[in-house]
């Protein structure tokens, strides 16, 4: 998520419950990695519709995101980033 989030930054997020999902368009979210369910990823929501949520990294040239793994289901979203504390 360079340049928004750098290695070593502390990210504080607010968990979301899947049954009470707010509109996430434009938000930075923490989500379950669709390529490795043991990991979490941080990406920006660029589109939401009935197909799911499109997540794109801010560093588009080096980001593995929805352009690689497609839309993610709403249940993959763990939370909305509230604060980024730079190292």
C-alpha atoms as a PDB file:
ATOM      1  CA  UNK A   1       0.000   0.000   0.000  1.00  0.00           C
ATOM      2  CA  UNK A   2       2.930   2.318  -0.613  1.00  0.00           C
ATOM      3  CA  UNK A   3       2.944   5.284  -0.372  1.00  0.00           C
ATOM      4  CA  UNK A   4      -0.020   5.307   2.043  1.00  0.00           C
ATOM      5  CA  UNK A   5       1.299   2.552   4.327  1.00  0.00           C
ATOM      6  CA  UNK A   6       4.969   1.664   4.673  1.00  0.00           C
ATOM      7  CA  UNK A   7       6.654  -1.385   6.163  1.00  0.00           C
ATOM      8  CA  UNK A   8       6.747  -0.996   9.935  1.00  0.00           C
ATOM      9  CA  UNK A   9       3.735   1.345  10.149  1.00  0.00           C
ATOM     10  CA  UNK A  10       1.118   0.502  12.762  1.00  0.00           C
ATOM     11  CA  UNK A  11      -2.381   0.091  11.334  1.00  0.00           C
ATOM     12  CA  UNK A  12      -5.420   0.401  13.571  1.00  0.00           C
ATOM     13  CA  UNK A  13      -8.667  -0.899  12.139  1.00  0.00           C
ATOM     14  CA  UNK A  14     -12.273  -1.169  13.249  1.00  0.00           C
ATOM     15  CA  UNK A  15     -13.700  -4.656  12.826  1.00  0.00           C
ATOM     16  CA  UNK A  16     -16.863  -4.929  10.748  1.00  0.00           C
ATOM     17  CA  UNK A  17     -19.578  -7.499  11.098  1.00  0.00           C
ATOM     18  CA  UNK A  18     -20.653  -9.047   7.820  1.00  0.00           C
ATOM     19  CA  UNK A  19     -24.371  -8.672   8.540  1.00  0.00           C
ATOM     20  CA  UNK A  20     -23.977  -4.903   9.102  1.00  0.00           C
ATOM     21  CA  UNK A  21     -21.689  -3.933   6.251  1.00  0.00           C
ATOM     22  CA  UNK A  22     -21.371  -0.193   5.631  1.00  0.00           C
ATOM     23  CA  UNK A  23     -20.538   1.220   2.215  1.00  0.00           C
ATOM     24  CA  UNK A  24     -16.807   0.720   1.830  1.00  0.00           C
ATOM     25  CA  UNK A  25     -16.131   2.563  -1.435  1.00  0.00           C
ATOM     26  CA  UNK A  26     -12.854   4.492  -1.100  1.00  0.00           C
ATOM     27  CA  UNK A  27     -12.011   2.985   2.297  1.00  0.00           C
ATOM     28  CA  UNK A  28      -8.794   1.174   3.102  1.00  0.00           C
ATOM     29  CA  UNK A  29      -9.726  -2.236   4.490  1.00  0.00           C
ATOM     30  CA  UNK A  30      -8.147  -5.262   6.110  1.00  0.00           C
ATOM     31  CA  UNK A  31      -9.263  -8.437   4.359  1.00  0.00           C
ATOM     32  CA  UNK A  32      -8.543 -12.147   4.298  1.00  0.00           C
ATOM     33  CA  UNK A  33      -6.045 -12.864   1.526  1.00  0.00           C
ATOM     34  CA  UNK A  34      -7.934 -14.827  -1.164  1.00  0.00           C
ATOM     35  CA  UNK A  35      -4.647 -16.447  -2.255  1.00  0.00           C
ATOM     36  CA  UNK A  36      -3.634 -17.554   1.266  1.00  0.00           C
ATOM     37  CA  UNK A  37      -6.377 -17.614   3.909  1.00  0.00           C
ATOM     38  CA  UNK A  38      -3.785 -17.587   6.718  1.00  0.00           C
ATOM     39  CA  UNK A  39      -2.770 -14.021   5.785  1.00  0.00           C
ATOM     40  CA  UNK A  40      -4.453 -10.636   5.897  1.00  0.00           C
ATOM     41  CA  UNK A  41      -4.054  -7.951   3.247  1.00  0.00           C
ATOM     42  CA  UNK A  42      -4.627  -4.196   3.285  1.00  0.00           C
ATOM     43  CA  UNK A  43      -6.149  -2.689   0.143  1.00  0.00           C
ATOM     44  CA  UNK A  44      -8.401   0.144  -0.998  1.00  0.00           C
ATOM     45  CA  UNK A  45     -12.002  -0.552  -2.045  1.00  0.00           C
ATOM     46  CA  UNK A  46     -12.597   0.805  -5.547  1.00  0.00           C
ATOM     47  CA  UNK A  47     -15.894  -0.866  -6.392  1.00  0.00           C
ATOM     48  CA  UNK A  48     -18.723  -2.707  -4.658  1.00  0.00           C
ATOM     49  CA  UNK A  49     -21.587  -4.539  -6.299  1.00  0.00           C
ATOM     50  CA  UNK A  50     -23.503  -7.819  -6.181  1.00  0.00           C
ATOM     51  CA  UNK A  51     -20.389  -9.629  -7.494  1.00  0.00           C
ATOM     52  CA  UNK A  52     -18.350  -8.605  -4.460  1.00  0.00           C
ATOM     53  CA  UNK A  53     -15.711  -6.030  -3.623  1.00  0.00           C
ATOM     54  CA  UNK A  54     -12.874  -4.929  -5.869  1.00  0.00           C
ATOM     55  CA  UNK A  55      -9.656  -4.256  -3.913  1.00  0.00           C
ATOM     56  CA  UNK A  56      -6.726  -2.362  -5.407  1.00  0.00           C
ATOM     57  CA  UNK A  57      -3.385  -1.507  -3.820  1.00  0.00           C
ATOM     58  CA  UNK A  58      -2.164   2.093  -3.900  1.00  0.00           C
ATOM     59  CA  UNK A  59       1.118   0.945  -5.485  1.00  0.00           C
ATOM     60  CA  UNK A  60      -0.611  -0.382  -8.601  1.00  0.00           C
ATOM     61  CA  UNK A  61       2.573  -1.349 -10.415  1.00  0.00           C
ATOM     62  CA  UNK A  62       3.643  -3.778  -7.661  1.00  0.00           C
ATOM     63  CA  UNK A  63       0.370  -4.687  -5.974  1.00  0.00           C
ATOM     64  CA  UNK A  64      -1.247  -8.116  -5.985  1.00  0.00           C
ATOM     65  CA  UNK A  65      -4.923  -7.253  -5.796  1.00  0.00           C
ATOM     66  CA  UNK A  66      -8.290  -7.826  -7.502  1.00  0.00           C
ATOM     67  CA  UNK A  67      -6.599  -7.561 -10.882  1.00  0.00           C
ATOM     68  CA  UNK A  68      -4.944 -10.880  -9.951  1.00  0.00           C
ATOM     69  CA  UNK A  69      -7.499 -12.621  -7.706  1.00  0.00           C
ATOM     70  CA  UNK A  70     -10.787 -11.011  -8.766  1.00  0.00           C
ATOM     71  CA  UNK A  71     -13.515  -9.627  -6.560  1.00  0.00           C
ATOM     72  CA  UNK A  72     -13.663 -10.748  -2.924  1.00  0.00           C
ATOM     73  CA  UNK A  73     -16.819 -11.641  -1.041  1.00  0.00           C
ATOM     74  CA  UNK A  74     -18.069  -9.239   1.631  1.00  0.00           C
ATOM     75  CA  UNK A  75     -17.337 -11.862   4.286  1.00  0.00           C
ATOM     76  CA  UNK A  76     -13.599 -11.552   3.505  1.00  0.00           C
ATOM     77  CA  UNK A  77     -13.523  -8.001   4.868  1.00  0.00           C
ATOM     78  CA  UNK A  78     -12.258  -7.975   8.460  1.00  0.00           C
ATOM     79  CA  UNK A  79     -12.264  -4.249   9.147  1.00  0.00           C
ATOM     80  CA  UNK A  80     -11.893  -0.648   8.046  1.00  0.00           C
ATOM     81  CA  UNK A  81      -8.568   1.090   8.625  1.00  0.00           C
ATOM     82  CA  UNK A  82      -9.123   3.957  11.072  1.00  0.00           C
ATOM     83  CA  UNK A  83      -5.563   5.158  11.643  1.00  0.00           C
ATOM     84  CA  UNK A  84      -2.056   4.675  10.292  1.00  0.00           C
ATOM     85  CA  UNK A  85       0.794   5.468  12.667  1.00  0.00           C
ATOM     86  CA  UNK A  86       4.050   5.986  10.779  1.00  0.00           C
ATOM     87  CA  UNK A  87       7.184   4.370  12.103  1.00  0.00           C
END
